Amino acid sequence: MFTAGIITASDKCYAGKRDDLSGKVIKDLLREAGYRIERYAVLPDDVKLLKQEMIYMSDSLELNLIVTTGGTGFAPRDLTPEATKEVIERETPGISEAMRYMSLSVTPKAMLSRGISGIRGKSLIINLPGSPKAVRETLNYIIEPLEHGLNILLKKETECAR
């Protein structure tokens, strides 16, 4: 069983002016896939706070998967990718590209998503979009291959490359 943390980046959710529907979708989908949710945080769109939480989840809690939602668009306070870039050690562009590729089959607006993904230590960090619908679509698309990637990251698979 893999461990997971969820970060919702939203000024409105943080202030209690909006329910965090996207975070709930992530919780449900990850639990259905067998992940154990160890931490859930709703934060304002603030680079410093987002970085601190990602570092805490990765370095202190040693979570296997950290999924963010929100803050990946064009609004001036959409800064989740910038925070993520500052904490990851290695990018995993295939994950982000796959999510955009799948989303483009639903809407051309998917090209506006700036979400990234990468590795910090033994944690995989993935930026998902902010809408519950887009979260469901993209997470469902990548969830199965993530298991293989996490097994490799955590050295749970020992099969040699062929």
Foldseek 3Di string as FASTA:
>chain_A
DFEEEEEEEAPCVVVVNDPQLQSVLVVVVCVVVPYHYDYYYYYYLDLVVLLVVVCCCCPVVVGQEYEYEALFADDPSSCNQVSVVVQADFWDAVLVVQLLVQVVVVPVCSVRGRWTWHHHQNYTYTYFYHDNVSSNRSCVRCVVVVVVVSCVSVVVDDDDDD
